[in-house]
Structure formats: C-alpha cells, structure tokens
C-alpha cells in the first residue's frame, strides 16, 4: 500500500470510531423545560414541589420554596437529569402567563387566545 491509501484508511477509521462512540451513548437524557402550573403539594422536608398536573420538582436549595404556597400559580424552569426533574427557578405567574417570546404573526387576522 502506498502512503496515500494508508492515510485515507486511517482517516476513515478515526471518523468511524469517533462517530461510533457518539452514537453508542444515544441521545442525551438531560433536557430543560419551562412550565406554568398551579402548585398542588409542597414537601419542604424533601425539598419537593408537585404541580397539579403531577409534575414533581426537586431542589437541593430549600430557599427556592420559601415563598411558594399550595394553590399558587407559578412559572418554573426545570431540567430533567435522567432521574428526576430538578428545579432551577420558580416565580409567581398567572394561568395565562406566556412561556416565552411569541413571534409576530404573518397574517394580522391571526390571534392567540
């Protein structure tokens, strides 16, 4: 084999190995989300808050739950770490609270109710 063929073979092998390692892990289990919901239950001893839709949110910092009360509408920022939902932030919200920026509609007759 000449040097060019060896170089091409090594290059192809290195790409295949790096892609194989990335695919072997599969898609990541971590993902973030923002939700608006009503607090259904709080367990301050476990640093746990549960929304009325059943979403359980854990926090390592009990101070995040200091001013939160059951029945209150909240906007939560969370991350799922593959095992449970971890609370990043929680703030008061209304049931109509938007989750983020709403893009302008192209057709002015469109409304978001």
N, C-alpha and C. Protein backbone atom coordinates (compact mmCIF):
# COMPACT_ATOMS: atom_id res chain seq x y z
N UNK A 1 0.85 -1.19 0.00
CA UNK A 1 0.00 0.00 0.00
C UNK A 1 0.89 1.25 0.00
N UNK A 2 0.44 2.22 -0.69
CA UNK A 2 1.22 3.45 -0.66
C UNK A 2 0.73 4.36 0.48
N UNK A 3 1.43 5.39 0.72
CA UNK A 3 1.14 6.28 1.84
C UNK A 3 -0.25 6.91 1.75
N UNK A 4 -0.68 7.26 0.57
CA UNK A 4 -1.98 7.91 0.39
C UNK A 4 -3.12 6.97 0.80
N UNK A 5 -3.02 5.70 0.40
CA UNK A 5 -4.05 4.73 0.75
C UNK A 5 -4.08 4.49 2.26
N UNK A 6 -2.92 4.43 2.88
CA UNK A 6 -2.84 4.24 4.33
C UNK A 6 -3.44 5.44 5.05
N UNK A 7 -3.13 6.62 4.58
CA UNK A 7 -3.66 7.84 5.19
C UNK A 7 -5.19 7.89 5.09
N UNK A 8 -5.73 7.56 3.93
CA UNK A 8 -7.18 7.54 3.74
C UNK A 8 -7.82 6.50 4.64
N UNK A 9 -7.22 5.32 4.75
CA UNK A 9 -7.77 4.26 5.60
C UNK A 9 -7.75 4.68 7.07
N UNK A 10 -6.68 5.29 7.52
CA UNK A 10 -6.61 5.76 8.91
C UNK A 10 -7.62 6.87 9.18
N UNK A 11 -7.79 7.75 8.23
CA UNK A 11 -8.76 8.83 8.37
C UNK A 11 -10.18 8.27 8.47
N UNK A 12 -10.52 7.34 7.62
CA UNK A 12 -11.85 6.73 7.65
C UNK A 12 -12.06 5.98 8.96
N UNK A 13 -11.05 5.28 9.43
CA UNK A 13 -11.15 4.55 10.69
C UNK A 13 -11.34 5.49 11.87
N UNK A 14 -10.63 6.60 11.89
CA UNK A 14 -10.77 7.54 13.01
C UNK A 14 -12.15 8.20 13.02
N UNK A 15 -12.71 8.50 11.86
CA UNK A 15 -14.06 9.06 11.79
C UNK A 15 -15.08 8.03 12.26
N UNK A 16 -14.93 6.80 11.82
CA UNK A 16 -15.86 5.74 12.21
C UNK A 16 -15.83 5.51 13.72
N UNK A 17 -14.66 5.53 14.31
CA UNK A 17 -14.55 5.32 15.76
C UNK A 17 -15.17 6.48 16.52
N UNK A 18 -14.91 7.72 16.12
CA UNK A 18 -15.47 8.86 16.85
C UNK A 18 -16.98 8.92 16.70
N UNK A 19 -17.51 8.63 15.54
CA UNK A 19 -18.96 8.62 15.33
C UNK A 19 -19.57 7.46 16.11
N UNK A 20 -18.91 6.34 16.12
CA UNK A 20 -19.42 5.18 16.87
C UNK A 20 -19.53 5.47 18.35
N UNK A 21 -18.54 6.14 18.92
CA UNK A 21 -18.61 6.50 20.34
C UNK A 21 -19.77 7.43 20.61
N UNK A 22 -20.00 8.39 19.74
CA UNK A 22 -21.09 9.35 19.94
C UNK A 22 -22.44 8.67 19.85
N UNK A 23 -22.59 7.76 18.92
CA UNK A 23 -23.87 7.07 18.73
C UNK A 23 -24.11 6.06 19.84
N UNK A 24 -23.09 5.46 20.39
CA UNK A 24 -23.23 4.44 21.42
C UNK A 24 -23.89 4.99 22.68
N UNK A 25 -23.62 6.24 23.02
CA UNK A 25 -24.24 6.84 24.19
C UNK A 25 -25.71 7.13 23.97
N UNK A 26 -26.12 7.25 22.74
CA UNK A 26 -27.52 7.56 22.43
C UNK A 26 -27.79 9.02 22.70
N UNK A 27 -29.05 9.42 22.52
CA UNK A 27 -29.40 10.81 22.76
C UNK A 27 -29.27 11.13 24.25
N UNK A 28 -28.92 12.35 24.56
CA UNK A 28 -28.79 12.76 25.95
C UNK A 28 -30.11 12.71 26.68
N UNK A 29 -30.06 12.39 27.97
CA UNK A 29 -31.29 12.33 28.75
C UNK A 29 -31.60 13.66 29.42
N UNK A 30 -30.64 14.56 29.47
CA UNK A 30 -30.87 15.86 30.08
C UNK A 30 -31.66 16.74 29.11
N UNK A 31 -32.68 17.37 29.62
CA UNK A 31 -33.37 18.38 28.83
C UNK A 31 -34.02 19.39 29.77
N UNK A 32 -34.16 20.59 29.28
CA UNK A 32 -34.71 21.67 30.08
C UNK A 32 -36.12 21.99 29.61
N UNK A 33 -36.87 22.64 30.48
CA UNK A 33 -38.24 22.98 30.16
C UNK A 33 -38.67 24.16 31.03
N UNK A 34 -39.66 24.88 30.57
CA UNK A 34 -40.31 25.93 31.35
C UNK A 34 -41.79 25.60 31.35
N UNK A 35 -42.40 25.61 32.52
CA UNK A 35 -43.81 25.27 32.65
C UNK A 35 -44.51 26.30 33.50
N UNK A 36 -45.80 26.46 33.26
CA UNK A 36 -46.65 27.26 34.13
C UNK A 36 -47.70 26.31 34.68
N UNK A 37 -47.90 26.33 35.98
CA UNK A 37 -48.88 25.45 36.59
C UNK A 37 -49.21 25.89 38.00
N UNK A 38 -50.17 25.21 38.57
CA UNK A 38 -50.60 25.52 39.94
C UNK A 38 -49.95 24.52 40.88
N UNK A 39 -49.44 25.02 41.99
CA UNK A 39 -48.81 24.16 42.99
C UNK A 39 -49.88 23.34 43.68
N UNK A 40 -49.72 22.02 43.64
CA UNK A 40 -50.67 21.13 44.27
C UNK A 40 -50.22 20.66 45.64
N UNK A 41 -48.90 20.53 45.81
CA UNK A 41 -48.37 19.95 47.05
C UNK A 41 -46.93 20.41 47.23
N UNK A 42 -46.56 20.67 48.48
CA UNK A 42 -45.18 21.02 48.82
C UNK A 42 -44.74 20.16 49.99
N UNK A 43 -43.59 19.53 49.88
CA UNK A 43 -42.96 18.81 50.99
C UNK A 43 -41.63 19.48 51.25
N UNK A 44 -41.62 20.37 52.21
CA UNK A 44 -40.41 21.16 52.48
C UNK A 44 -39.29 20.30 53.07
N UNK A 45 -39.63 19.23 53.76
CA UNK A 45 -38.60 18.34 54.31
C UNK A 45 -37.83 17.63 53.20
N UNK A 46 -38.50 17.32 52.10
CA UNK A 46 -37.86 16.65 50.97
C UNK A 46 -37.45 17.61 49.86
N UNK A 47 -37.69 18.93 50.06
CA UNK A 47 -37.41 19.94 49.03
C UNK A 47 -38.09 19.55 47.72
N UNK A 48 -39.39 19.29 47.82
CA UNK A 48 -40.17 18.81 46.71
C UNK A 48 -41.43 19.65 46.54
N UNK A 49 -41.73 20.00 45.30
CA UNK A 49 -43.00 20.66 44.98
C UNK A 49 -43.63 19.88 43.84
N UNK A 50 -44.93 19.69 43.93
CA UNK A 50 -45.65 18.97 42.88
C UNK A 50 -46.71 19.89 42.31
N UNK A 51 -46.72 20.00 40.98
CA UNK A 51 -47.74 20.78 40.31
C UNK A 51 -49.01 19.96 40.20
N UNK A 52 -50.14 20.63 39.96
CA UNK A 52 -51.42 19.93 39.86
C UNK A 52 -51.46 18.93 38.71
N UNK A 53 -50.61 19.12 37.69
CA UNK A 53 -50.59 18.16 36.58
C UNK A 53 -49.76 16.92 36.90
N UNK A 54 -49.22 16.85 38.12
CA UNK A 54 -48.45 15.69 38.55
C UNK A 54 -46.95 15.84 38.42
N UNK A 55 -46.48 16.92 37.83
CA UNK A 55 -45.04 17.13 37.67
C UNK A 55 -44.40 17.34 39.03
N UNK A 56 -43.43 16.50 39.38
CA UNK A 56 -42.68 16.64 40.63
C UNK A 56 -41.37 17.34 40.34
N UNK A 57 -41.05 18.31 41.18
CA UNK A 57 -39.83 19.10 41.02
C UNK A 57 -39.03 19.05 42.32
N UNK A 58 -37.78 18.64 42.22
CA UNK A 58 -36.90 18.55 43.37
C UNK A 58 -35.91 19.70 43.32
N UNK A 59 -35.46 20.13 44.50
CA UNK A 59 -34.46 21.18 44.56
C UNK A 59 -33.48 20.89 45.70
N UNK A 60 -32.20 21.10 45.48
CA UNK A 60 -31.23 20.94 46.56
C UNK A 60 -31.21 22.16 47.49
N UNK A 61 -31.85 23.25 47.06
CA UNK A 61 -31.84 24.50 47.83
C UNK A 61 -33.24 24.82 48.32
N UNK A 62 -33.48 24.61 49.62
CA UNK A 62 -34.81 24.83 50.21
C UNK A 62 -35.26 26.28 50.10
N UNK A 63 -34.33 27.21 49.92
CA UNK A 63 -34.70 28.62 49.82
C UNK A 63 -35.57 28.91 48.60
N UNK A 64 -35.48 28.08 47.56
CA UNK A 64 -36.31 28.28 46.38
C UNK A 64 -37.80 28.12 46.71
N UNK A 65 -38.11 27.35 47.74
CA UNK A 65 -39.51 27.08 48.08
C UNK A 65 -40.03 27.94 49.23
N UNK A 66 -39.23 28.87 49.74
CA UNK A 66 -39.61 29.69 50.89
C UNK A 66 -40.93 30.42 50.70
N UNK A 67 -41.10 31.08 49.58
CA UNK A 67 -42.28 31.94 49.37
C UNK A 67 -43.34 31.29 48.50
N UNK A 68 -43.26 29.98 48.33
CA UNK A 68 -44.21 29.26 47.48
C UNK A 68 -45.30 28.66 48.37
N UNK A 69 -46.57 28.79 47.93
CA UNK A 69 -47.68 28.24 48.70
C UNK A 69 -48.52 27.32 47.81
N UNK A 70 -49.19 26.37 48.42
CA UNK A 70 -50.07 25.46 47.67
C UNK A 70 -51.22 26.26 47.07
N UNK A 71 -51.57 25.92 45.84
CA UNK A 71 -52.64 26.60 45.13
C UNK A 71 -52.17 27.79 44.32
N UNK A 72 -50.95 28.21 44.50
CA UNK A 72 -50.39 29.37 43.79
C UNK A 72 -50.00 28.98 42.36
N UNK A 73 -50.24 29.89 41.41
CA UNK A 73 -49.78 29.71 40.04
C UNK A 73 -48.32 30.11 39.98
N UNK A 74 -47.50 29.26 39.37
CA UNK A 74 -46.06 29.51 39.29
C UNK A 74 -45.54 29.21 37.89
N UNK A 75 -44.44 29.86 37.58
CA UNK A 75 -43.68 29.58 36.36
C UNK A 75 -42.38 28.95 36.82
N UNK A 76 -42.10 27.74 36.36
CA UNK A 76 -40.91 27.01 36.81
C UNK A 76 -39.97 26.77 35.64
N UNK A 77 -38.70 26.85 35.94
CA UNK A 77 -37.64 26.50 35.00
C UNK A 77 -37.01 25.24 35.57
N UNK A 78 -37.00 24.16 34.78
CA UNK A 78 -36.53 22.89 35.31
C UNK A 78 -35.63 22.19 34.32
N UNK A 79 -34.90 21.22 34.82
CA UNK A 79 -34.09 20.36 33.98
C UNK A 79 -34.33 18.92 34.42
N UNK A 80 -34.49 18.04 33.45
CA UNK A 80 -34.63 16.62 33.73
C UNK A 80 -33.25 15.99 33.60
N UNK A 81 -32.75 15.42 34.68
CA UNK A 81 -31.38 14.89 34.68
C UNK A 81 -31.30 13.40 34.40
N UNK A 82 -32.37 12.81 33.87
CA UNK A 82 -32.38 11.39 33.60
C UNK A 82 -32.99 10.58 34.72
N UNK A 83 -33.09 11.20 35.89
CA UNK A 83 -33.66 10.52 37.06
C UNK A 83 -34.89 11.25 37.58
N UNK A 84 -34.79 12.58 37.66
CA UNK A 84 -35.90 13.38 38.18
C UNK A 84 -35.80 14.81 37.68
N UNK A 85 -36.90 15.54 37.84
CA UNK A 85 -36.94 16.95 37.46
C UNK A 85 -36.30 17.78 38.57
N UNK A 86 -35.31 18.58 38.19
CA UNK A 86 -34.64 19.45 39.15
C UNK A 86 -35.06 20.89 38.87
N UNK A 87 -35.45 21.58 39.91
CA UNK A 87 -35.95 22.95 39.81
C UNK A 87 -34.78 23.93 39.74
N UNK A 88 -34.76 24.74 38.68
CA UNK A 88 -33.76 25.81 38.56
C UNK A 88 -34.27 27.10 39.17
N UNK A 89 -35.54 27.43 38.88
CA UNK A 89 -36.13 28.64 39.42
C UNK A 89 -37.64 28.47 39.47
N UNK A 90 -38.26 29.27 40.34
CA UNK A 90 -39.72 29.26 40.47
C UNK A 90 -40.14 30.68 40.81
N UNK A 91 -41.18 31.15 40.12
CA UNK A 91 -41.65 32.52 40.36
C UNK A 91 -43.17 32.56 40.20
N UNK A 92 -43.81 33.52 40.83
CA UNK A 92 -45.27 33.63 40.70
C UNK A 92 -45.66 33.89 39.24
N UNK A 93 -46.80 33.36 38.87
CA UNK A 93 -47.29 33.53 37.49
C UNK A 93 -48.80 33.46 37.51
N UNK A 94 -49.39 33.79 36.39
CA UNK A 94 -50.82 33.65 36.22
C UNK A 94 -51.11 32.50 35.28
N UNK A 95 -52.34 32.01 35.24
CA UNK A 95 -52.66 30.89 34.36
C UNK A 95 -52.47 31.22 32.88
N UNK A 96 -52.47 32.52 32.53
CA UNK A 96 -52.31 32.94 31.13
C UNK A 96 -50.88 33.35 30.83
N UNK A 97 -49.95 33.13 31.75
CA UNK A 97 -48.56 33.55 31.59
C UNK A 97 -47.94 32.90 30.36
N UNK A 98 -47.38 33.71 29.44
CA UNK A 98 -46.72 33.12 28.28
C UNK A 98 -45.41 32.46 28.71
N UNK A 99 -45.00 31.42 28.01
CA UNK A 99 -43.78 30.70 28.35
C UNK A 99 -42.54 31.34 27.76
N UNK A 100 -42.71 32.30 26.89
CA UNK A 100 -41.56 32.94 26.28
C UNK A 100 -42.03 33.94 25.25
N UNK A 101 -41.13 34.36 24.42
CA UNK A 101 -41.47 35.33 23.39
C UNK A 101 -42.40 34.69 22.37
N UNK A 102 -43.41 35.42 21.98
CA UNK A 102 -44.35 34.94 20.98
C UNK A 102 -44.03 35.67 19.68
N UNK A 103 -43.67 34.92 18.63
CA UNK A 103 -43.30 35.59 17.37
C UNK A 103 -44.51 36.30 16.76
N UNK A 104 -44.23 37.37 16.02
CA UNK A 104 -45.29 38.10 15.33
C UNK A 104 -45.91 37.21 14.27
N UNK A 105 -47.22 37.29 14.17
CA UNK A 105 -47.93 36.51 13.16
C UNK A 105 -47.78 37.20 11.81
N UNK A 106 -47.68 36.42 10.76
CA UNK A 106 -47.56 36.97 9.41
C UNK A 106 -48.89 37.55 8.99
N UNK A 107 -49.96 36.83 9.28
CA UNK A 107 -51.30 37.28 8.92
C UNK A 107 -51.88 38.03 10.11
N UNK A 108 -52.22 39.30 9.97
CA UNK A 108 -52.70 40.10 11.09
C UNK A 108 -54.07 39.65 11.60
N UNK A 109 -54.75 38.80 10.86
CA UNK A 109 -56.05 38.30 11.32
C UNK A 109 -55.89 37.16 12.33
N UNK A 110 -54.66 36.66 12.49
CA UNK A 110 -54.42 35.59 13.44
C UNK A 110 -54.36 36.18 14.86
N UNK A 111 -54.97 35.49 15.79
CA UNK A 111 -54.90 35.92 17.19
C UNK A 111 -54.52 34.72 18.03
N UNK A 112 -53.97 34.98 19.20
CA UNK A 112 -53.62 33.88 20.11
C UNK A 112 -54.45 34.01 21.37
N UNK A 113 -55.59 33.34 21.38
CA UNK A 113 -56.49 33.35 22.54
C UNK A 113 -56.44 32.05 23.24
